[in-house]
Protein backbone atom coordinates (compact mmCIF):
# COMPACT_ATOMS: atom_id res chain seq x y z
CA MET A 1 7.39 3.66 -5.66
CA LYS A 2 5.51 5.75 -8.22
CA THR A 3 5.03 4.44 -11.74
CA SER A 4 5.42 6.49 -14.90
CA ILE A 5 1.66 6.26 -15.48
CA GLN A 6 -0.11 9.61 -15.51
CA VAL A 7 -3.87 9.87 -15.90
CA GLU A 8 -6.26 12.78 -16.00
CA PRO A 9 -7.77 13.90 -12.67
CA ILE A 10 -11.39 13.01 -12.05
CA THR A 11 -12.39 16.66 -12.41
CA SER A 12 -11.88 16.24 -16.18
CA TRP A 13 -14.41 13.42 -16.44
CA THR A 14 -17.54 14.28 -18.42
CA HIS A 15 -20.08 13.51 -15.71
CA TYR A 16 -18.10 14.53 -12.62
CA LYS A 17 -19.79 17.27 -10.58
CA LYS A 18 -18.52 16.90 -7.03
CA ARG A 19 -17.22 14.33 -4.61
CA PRO A 20 -18.47 11.70 -4.29
CA LEU A 21 -19.07 10.75 -7.89
CA VAL A 22 -21.97 8.28 -7.65
CA ILE A 23 -22.38 5.42 -10.11
CA SER A 24 -25.54 3.39 -9.57
CA GLY A 25 -27.95 1.05 -11.28
CA PRO A 26 -28.89 -2.63 -11.31
CA CYS A 27 -26.40 -5.46 -11.20
CA SER A 28 -27.98 -6.68 -14.44
CA ALA A 29 -30.15 -5.12 -17.09
CA GLU A 30 -33.12 -7.51 -17.02
CA THR A 31 -35.92 -5.77 -18.93
CA GLU A 32 -36.28 -2.40 -20.60
CA GLU A 33 -38.94 -1.38 -18.09
CA GLN A 34 -36.72 -2.32 -15.13
CA VAL A 35 -33.76 -0.39 -16.54
CA LEU A 36 -35.71 2.75 -17.41
CA GLN A 37 -37.73 2.87 -14.18
CA THR A 38 -34.60 2.44 -12.06
CA ALA A 39 -32.78 5.11 -14.06
CA ARG A 40 -35.66 7.58 -13.80
CA GLU A 41 -35.83 7.21 -10.02
CA LEU A 42 -32.07 7.52 -9.65
CA ALA A 43 -31.99 10.62 -11.85
CA ALA A 44 -34.89 12.17 -9.89
CA SER A 45 -32.93 11.72 -6.65
CA GLY A 46 -30.29 14.18 -7.83
CA LYS A 47 -27.62 12.01 -6.17
CA VAL A 48 -26.46 9.90 -9.12
CA ASP A 49 -24.07 10.97 -11.90
CA ILE A 50 -23.68 7.76 -13.92
CA PHE A 51 -26.14 4.92 -14.51
CA ARG A 52 -24.59 1.45 -14.52
CA ALA A 53 -26.00 -1.89 -15.62
CA GLY A 54 -24.44 -5.25 -16.42
CA ILE A 55 -25.14 -6.31 -20.00
CA TRP A 56 -22.78 -9.28 -20.27
CA LYS A 57 -22.61 -11.10 -16.93
CA PRO A 58 -19.60 -13.38 -16.33
CA ARG A 59 -21.05 -15.94 -13.93
CA THR A 60 -19.13 -18.56 -11.99
CA ARG A 61 -21.27 -21.41 -13.29
CA PRO A 62 -23.41 -21.83 -16.43
CA GLY A 63 -27.16 -22.10 -16.18
CA THR A 64 -27.63 -18.87 -14.22
CA PHE A 65 -28.67 -15.52 -15.68
CA GLU A 66 -25.76 -14.29 -17.81
CA GLY A 67 -27.22 -11.00 -18.96
CA MET A 68 -29.26 -9.83 -21.93
CA GLY A 69 -26.19 -9.09 -24.05
CA SER A 70 -26.19 -6.52 -26.84
CA ALA A 71 -30.00 -6.48 -26.90
CA ALA A 72 -29.91 -4.35 -23.73
CA LEU A 73 -27.61 -1.65 -25.12
CA PRO A 74 -30.49 0.32 -26.72
CA TRP A 75 -32.04 0.47 -23.22
CA LEU A 76 -28.92 2.17 -21.89
CA LYS A 77 -28.92 4.56 -24.82
CA ARG A 78 -32.50 5.48 -24.02
CA VAL A 79 -31.53 6.08 -20.36
CA LYS A 80 -28.92 8.56 -21.52
CA GLU A 81 -31.36 10.34 -23.82
CA GLU A 82 -34.19 10.53 -21.28
CA THR A 83 -32.33 11.28 -18.05
CA GLY A 84 -29.05 12.92 -19.08
CA LEU A 85 -27.13 10.49 -16.87
CA GLY A 86 -23.88 9.06 -18.15
CA ILE A 87 -24.06 5.34 -18.88
CA ALA A 88 -21.62 2.58 -17.96
CA THR A 89 -21.29 -1.15 -18.42
CA GLU A 90 -18.73 -3.93 -18.00
CA VAL A 91 -16.73 -5.29 -20.93
CA ALA A 92 -14.75 -8.53 -21.03
CA ASN A 93 -13.58 -8.80 -24.65
CA ALA A 94 -13.10 -6.82 -27.86
CA LYS A 95 -16.65 -7.52 -29.14
CA HIS A 96 -18.12 -6.03 -25.96
CA VAL A 97 -16.01 -2.90 -26.46
CA TYR A 98 -17.08 -2.40 -30.08
CA GLU A 99 -20.75 -2.92 -29.23
CA ALA A 100 -20.67 -0.55 -26.24
CA LEU A 101 -18.90 2.20 -28.22
CA LYS A 102 -21.42 1.81 -31.05
CA TYR A 103 -24.26 2.64 -28.65
CA GLY A 104 -22.51 5.62 -27.07
CA VAL A 105 -21.63 4.13 -23.68
CA ASP A 106 -19.65 6.80 -21.81
CA HIS A 107 -17.81 4.70 -19.23
CA LEU A 108 -16.58 1.12 -19.40
CA TRP A 109 -15.33 -0.98 -16.54
CA ILE A 110 -13.15 -4.06 -16.53
CA GLY A 111 -14.27 -6.69 -14.03
CA ALA A 112 -12.17 -8.40 -11.37
CA ARG A 113 -11.91 -11.67 -13.30
CA SER A 114 -10.75 -9.83 -16.43
CA THR A 115 -8.20 -7.69 -14.56
CA ALA A 116 -6.57 -10.90 -13.34
CA ASN A 117 -5.94 -12.01 -16.94
CA PRO A 118 -3.39 -9.87 -18.86
CA PHE A 119 -4.44 -11.46 -22.17
CA VAL A 120 -8.03 -10.28 -21.68
CA VAL A 121 -6.94 -6.80 -20.60
CA GLN A 122 -4.68 -6.48 -23.64
CA GLU A 123 -7.52 -7.53 -25.96
CA ILE A 124 -9.73 -4.84 -24.43
CA ALA A 125 -6.91 -2.27 -24.63
CA ASP A 126 -6.36 -3.04 -28.34
CA ALA A 127 -10.09 -2.56 -29.00
CA LEU A 128 -10.03 0.80 -27.20
CA GLN A 129 -7.30 2.27 -29.43
CA GLY A 130 -8.33 5.68 -30.75
CA SER A 131 -11.42 6.08 -28.54
CA ASP A 132 -12.04 8.90 -26.07
CA ILE A 133 -13.79 7.15 -23.21
CA THR A 134 -13.45 6.68 -19.47
CA VAL A 135 -12.23 3.24 -18.41
CA LEU A 136 -12.51 1.96 -14.84
CA VAL A 137 -10.41 -1.01 -13.76
CA LYS A 138 -11.62 -3.19 -10.90
CA ASN A 139 -9.07 -4.80 -8.64
CA PRO A 140 -8.18 -8.42 -9.48
CA ILE A 141 -9.94 -11.14 -7.50
CA ASN A 142 -6.87 -11.87 -5.38
CA PRO A 143 -4.89 -9.17 -3.55
CA GLU A 144 -2.19 -8.69 -6.19
CA LEU A 145 -1.30 -5.01 -6.58
CA GLU A 146 1.02 -5.58 -9.56
CA LEU A 147 -1.80 -7.15 -11.61
CA TRP A 148 -3.95 -4.09 -10.89
CA VAL A 149 -1.15 -1.70 -11.87
CA GLY A 150 -0.37 -3.77 -14.95
CA ALA A 151 -3.98 -3.61 -16.18
CA ILE A 152 -4.01 0.17 -15.79
CA GLU A 153 -0.70 0.40 -17.68
CA ARG A 154 -2.13 -1.61 -20.60
CA ILE A 155 -5.17 0.68 -20.84
CA LYS A 156 -2.98 3.78 -20.65
CA LYS A 157 -0.70 2.48 -23.45
CA ALA A 158 -3.82 2.21 -25.63
CA GLY A 159 -4.08 6.01 -25.48
CA ILE A 160 -6.80 6.18 -22.82
CA THR A 161 -6.13 9.03 -20.37
CA LYS A 162 -9.36 9.04 -18.36
CA ILE A 163 -8.76 6.00 -16.19
CA GLY A 164 -10.03 5.17 -12.72
CA ALA A 165 -9.74 2.24 -10.34
CA ILE A 166 -12.65 0.47 -8.67
CA HIS A 167 -12.02 -1.16 -5.31
CA ARG A 168 -14.46 -4.08 -4.90
CA GLY A 169 -12.54 -6.12 -2.31
CA PHE A 170 -10.64 -9.39 -2.59
CA SER A 171 -11.75 -13.01 -2.47
CA SER A 172 -10.77 -15.17 0.47
CA TYR A 173 -11.50 -18.62 1.88
CA GLU A 174 -11.89 -17.01 5.28
CA LYS A 175 -15.44 -16.58 6.55
CA THR A 176 -15.93 -12.91 7.35
CA ALA A 177 -18.72 -10.36 7.46
CA PHE A 178 -17.79 -9.37 3.89
CA ARG A 179 -18.34 -11.01 0.54
CA ASN A 180 -14.91 -9.70 -0.46
CA ILE A 181 -12.37 -8.53 2.13
CA PRO A 182 -11.57 -4.80 1.72
CA HIS A 183 -7.78 -4.83 2.40
CA TRP A 184 -7.90 -1.03 2.32
CA LEU A 185 -4.12 -0.61 2.22
CA ILE A 186 -3.95 -2.07 -1.30
CA PRO A 187 -6.03 0.66 -3.03
CA VAL A 188 -4.26 3.27 -0.89
CA GLU A 189 -0.92 1.95 -2.17
CA LEU A 190 -2.28 1.96 -5.73
CA LYS A 191 -3.18 5.65 -5.34
CA GLN A 192 0.40 6.36 -4.31
CA ARG A 193 1.75 4.42 -7.30
CA VAL A 194 -0.33 6.12 -10.03
CA GLU A 195 -0.43 9.91 -10.12
CA ASN A 196 -3.92 11.53 -10.10
CA LEU A 197 -5.63 8.12 -10.20
CA PRO A 198 -9.32 8.43 -9.24
CA LEU A 199 -10.45 5.77 -6.75
CA ILE A 200 -14.03 4.51 -6.77
CA CYS A 201 -15.28 2.18 -4.03
CA ASP A 202 -17.76 -0.60 -4.82
CA PRO A 203 -19.38 -1.28 -1.42
CA SER A 204 -21.95 -3.63 -3.00
CA HIS A 205 -19.34 -6.25 -3.89
CA ILE A 206 -17.31 -5.72 -0.73
CA CYS A 207 -20.37 -6.25 1.48
CA GLY A 208 -22.46 -8.73 -0.48
CA ASN A 209 -25.44 -7.48 1.52
CA ARG A 210 -27.35 -4.26 2.09
CA THR A 211 -26.73 -3.93 5.82
CA LEU A 212 -23.07 -2.85 5.62
CA LEU A 213 -23.30 -0.49 2.64
CA LEU A 214 -23.40 2.74 4.66
CA GLU A 215 -20.50 1.67 6.89
CA ILE A 216 -18.23 0.77 3.95
CA SER A 217 -19.27 3.86 1.96
CA GLN A 218 -18.35 6.08 4.90
CA LYS A 219 -15.02 4.30 5.31
CA ALA A 220 -14.24 4.99 1.64
CA MET A 221 -15.08 8.67 2.05
CA ASP A 222 -12.90 8.89 5.16
CA LEU A 223 -10.03 7.44 3.10
CA ASN A 224 -10.60 10.17 0.49
CA PHE A 225 -12.00 7.94 -2.27
CA ASP A 226 -13.39 9.95 -5.17
CA GLY A 227 -16.65 8.10 -5.64
CA LEU A 228 -18.94 5.15 -5.04
CA MET A 229 -20.46 2.45 -7.23
CA ILE A 230 -23.55 1.06 -5.51
CA GLU A 231 -26.03 -1.32 -7.11
CA SER A 232 -29.67 -0.21 -7.19
CA HIS A 233 -32.79 -1.97 -8.44
CA ILE A 234 -36.45 -0.90 -8.38
CA ASP A 235 -37.30 -4.20 -6.63
CA PRO A 236 -34.20 -6.01 -5.32
CA SER A 237 -36.28 -8.93 -4.07
CA VAL A 238 -36.89 -10.11 -7.64
CA ALA A 239 -33.44 -9.26 -9.07
CA LEU A 240 -31.99 -11.99 -11.28
CA SER A 241 -28.47 -11.53 -9.87
CA ASP A 242 -26.97 -10.34 -6.56
CA ALA A 243 -30.35 -9.56 -5.06
CA ALA A 244 -29.02 -9.38 -1.47
CA GLN A 245 -26.63 -6.50 -2.15
CA GLN A 246 -28.90 -4.22 -4.19
CA VAL A 247 -30.98 -1.36 -2.76
CA THR A 248 -33.88 0.66 -4.07
CA PRO A 249 -33.18 4.16 -5.43
CA ARG A 250 -34.88 5.57 -2.34
CA THR A 251 -32.56 3.64 0.00
CA LEU A 252 -29.57 4.71 -2.07
CA THR A 253 -30.58 8.34 -1.56
CA CYS A 254 -30.73 7.78 2.21
CA ILE A 255 -27.24 6.25 2.18
CA ILE A 256 -25.74 9.17 0.24
CA ASN A 257 -27.51 11.73 2.43
CA ARG A 258 -26.13 10.15 5.61
CA LEU A 259 -22.51 10.24 4.48
CA VAL A 260 -20.28 12.62 6.41
CA MET A 261 -18.08 14.38 3.87
CA ARG A 262 -14.73 15.54 5.19
CA ASN A 263 -12.20 17.78 3.48
CA PRO A 264 -8.92 16.21 2.34
CA GLU A 265 -7.01 19.40 3.22
CA SER A 266 -7.28 22.51 5.39
CA THR A 267 -5.94 26.07 5.31
CA ASP A 268 -6.75 26.76 8.97
CA SER A 269 -3.43 27.75 10.60
CA HIS A 270 -4.38 26.52 14.09
CA PHE A 271 -5.41 23.12 12.74
CA LEU A 272 -2.21 22.83 10.70
CA ASN A 273 -0.02 23.78 13.69
CA VAL A 274 -1.67 21.20 15.97
CA LEU A 275 -1.49 18.56 13.23
CA GLU A 276 2.20 19.27 12.68
CA GLU A 277 2.88 18.90 16.39
CA LEU A 278 1.04 15.57 16.57
CA ARG A 279 2.80 14.29 13.43
CA GLY A 280 6.09 15.24 15.05
CA LYS A 281 5.25 12.92 17.94
CA ILE A 282 4.42 10.14 15.48
CA ASP A 283 7.82 10.62 13.82
CA ILE A 284 9.57 10.28 17.19
CA TYR A 285 7.65 7.10 18.04
CA ASP A 286 8.41 5.64 14.60
CA GLU A 287 12.12 6.19 15.16
CA GLN A 288 11.86 4.60 18.60
CA LEU A 289 10.07 1.60 17.05
CA ILE A 290 12.93 1.11 14.59
CA ASP A 291 15.47 1.34 17.43
CA ILE A 292 13.57 -1.26 19.45
CA LEU A 293 13.26 -3.57 16.46
CA GLU A 294 17.01 -3.29 15.85
CA LYS A 295 17.67 -4.29 19.47
CA ARG A 296 15.23 -7.18 19.16
CA MET A 297 16.95 -8.47 16.01
CA ASN A 298 20.35 -8.24 17.71
CA VAL A 299 19.01 -10.43 20.52
CA ALA A 300 17.64 -12.84 17.89
CA LYS A 301 21.13 -13.08 16.39
CA SER A 302 22.58 -13.87 19.82
CA ILE A 303 19.99 -16.61 20.25
CA ALA A 304 20.92 -17.98 16.82
CA ARG A 305 24.60 -18.13 17.74
CA TYR A 306 23.76 -19.98 20.97
CA LYS A 307 21.48 -22.41 19.12
CA LYS A 308 24.16 -22.99 16.51
CA GLU A 309 26.74 -23.84 19.17
CA ASN A 310 24.34 -26.36 20.66
CA SER A 311 22.96 -27.76 17.37
CA ILE A 312 19.38 -26.56 18.00
CA THR A 313 16.93 -25.72 15.21
CA ILE A 314 15.82 -22.14 14.64
CA LEU A 315 12.06 -22.62 14.84
CA GLN A 316 10.59 -23.48 18.24
CA THR A 317 6.86 -23.74 17.55
CA LYS A 318 5.69 -24.10 21.14
CA ARG A 319 7.70 -21.08 22.28
CA TRP A 320 6.36 -18.94 19.42
CA ALA A 321 2.73 -19.92 20.14
CA GLU A 322 3.22 -18.78 23.74
CA VAL A 323 4.67 -15.45 22.59
CA VAL A 324 1.77 -14.80 20.22
CA GLN A 325 -0.86 -15.65 22.83
CA LYS A 326 0.73 -13.38 25.42
CA ILE A 327 1.34 -10.39 23.12
CA VAL A 328 -2.09 -10.59 21.46
CA ALA A 329 -3.71 -10.51 24.91
CA LEU A 330 -1.53 -7.56 25.90
CA GLY A 331 -2.36 -5.75 22.67
CA GLU A 332 -6.07 -6.23 23.29
CA LYS A 333 -5.71 -4.54 26.69
CA LYS A 334 -3.96 -1.64 24.94
CA GLY A 335 -6.77 -1.21 22.43
CA LEU A 336 -5.01 -2.93 19.51
CA SER A 337 -6.97 -5.37 17.36
CA ASN A 338 -6.04 -9.06 17.37
CA ALA A 339 -5.67 -8.99 13.57
CA PHE A 340 -3.18 -6.10 13.72
CA VAL A 341 -1.06 -7.65 16.48
CA ASN A 342 -1.04 -11.03 14.73
CA ASP A 343 0.06 -9.45 11.44
CA MET A 344 2.74 -7.40 13.19
CA LEU A 345 4.11 -10.41 15.05
CA ARG A 346 4.12 -12.51 11.88
CA LEU A 347 6.30 -9.94 10.10
CA ILE A 348 8.64 -9.53 13.07
CA HIS A 349 8.95 -13.30 13.43
CA GLN A 350 9.78 -13.71 9.74
CA GLU A 351 12.48 -11.03 9.97
CA SER A 352 13.86 -12.70 13.10
CA ILE A 353 14.02 -16.05 11.29
CA ASN A 354 15.84 -14.37 8.38
CA HIS A 355 18.45 -12.96 10.78
CA GLN A 356 18.83 -16.30 12.55
CA ASN A 357 19.18 -18.14 9.23
CA GLN A 358 21.96 -15.77 8.26
CA VAL A 359 23.83 -16.50 11.50
CA MET A 360 23.28 -20.26 11.21
CA ASN A 361 24.61 -20.45 7.66
CA ASP A 362 27.26 -17.73 7.49
CA ALA A 363 30.10 -20.29 7.50
CA ARG A 364 28.63 -22.56 4.83
CA ILE A 365 29.86 -22.39 1.26
CA GLY A 366 27.32 -21.79 -1.48
CA SER A 367 26.09 -24.51 -3.84
CA GLU A 368 27.94 -23.05 -6.85
CA GLU A 369 31.23 -22.95 -4.91
CA LEU A 370 30.63 -26.51 -3.68
CA GLU A 371 30.00 -27.76 -7.21
CA GLU A 372 33.18 -26.07 -8.47
CA LYS A 373 35.28 -27.64 -5.67
CA VAL A 374 33.90 -31.12 -6.42
CA LYS A 375 34.46 -30.63 -10.14
CA ASN A 376 38.11 -29.75 -9.53
CA GLY A 377 38.65 -32.65 -7.14
CA VAL A 378 39.02 -30.39 -4.11
CA SER A 379 37.63 -31.45 -0.75
CA PRO A 380 34.52 -29.31 0.00
CA THR A 381 35.84 -28.73 3.51
CA GLY A 382 39.43 -28.08 2.52
């Protein structure tokens, strides 16, 4: 369901030249020399549009490097003057916003922790009133689409029209190859909800390491993301924060050069005809899936009636474990991932339980009706 939010397309952004828009720079601004040298090398590559650097660093625990603060803003201003790159930094409160605007920062982003807190987002939005600046909103730490949409709405209500979303992945207790799990369907859904919304992928925070950056960057391009935010440092080995996920400007250039850029649309009539035919097949299979699911739920209802007659509980854990094991193995033989089959079965099982619950309880009176009968001295069963 689309929202009423409308933002300007990325083509209206000051520093946008072509897809992908590339935002790069160190995780943290550490010294003036480090900032300027990194910026010069990135600018010389011809691959970067906007230079980013963390000035205020919200760290999980105190005692670690928390950024140079406002003292580093003149360094960013000098980057802009010397290289012509746009400059960007993260803000987490009203003071950060005022300071960044004072030094001519072109693009601000709201971090994942801040996006998760509506009070913080509103404070930032209030501070942005009357300014003409680009604001990028990172996804909240947990996979909550409504929080992400809500943050964008607050920024839009402040009069900001150049708004983009940054997908940096979502935290999880699961141990995976990623620092933050991508959950690609969430940013795709966000794009459908907000008209014209530019999507920027942050592979650095999704991966948490250098080795997967190209793979995740390519995935983002294949999903028609508008740009990339990749952390770059002149010497990542000595970086004061997130050293493992930063790359040198030279490596960044190699990553961008190796990306395969595909067109989001085509005017080739042969291609369009073949695509239409294949999509027609998909439509037929989707309808068949719905028919099969309807038949499955009808059988589930019959099972529920039989269980009800024999006073048997709905959930049979052992039986369900056997079903999952068998279908996951079958799916693997058919080229379907275990994660997909497990997710599909979980949703089907939940819907089946809902149907069975309805059958089991269709003859029971509701709690409000029961209370009314007792209040009036009427037998609940009479």
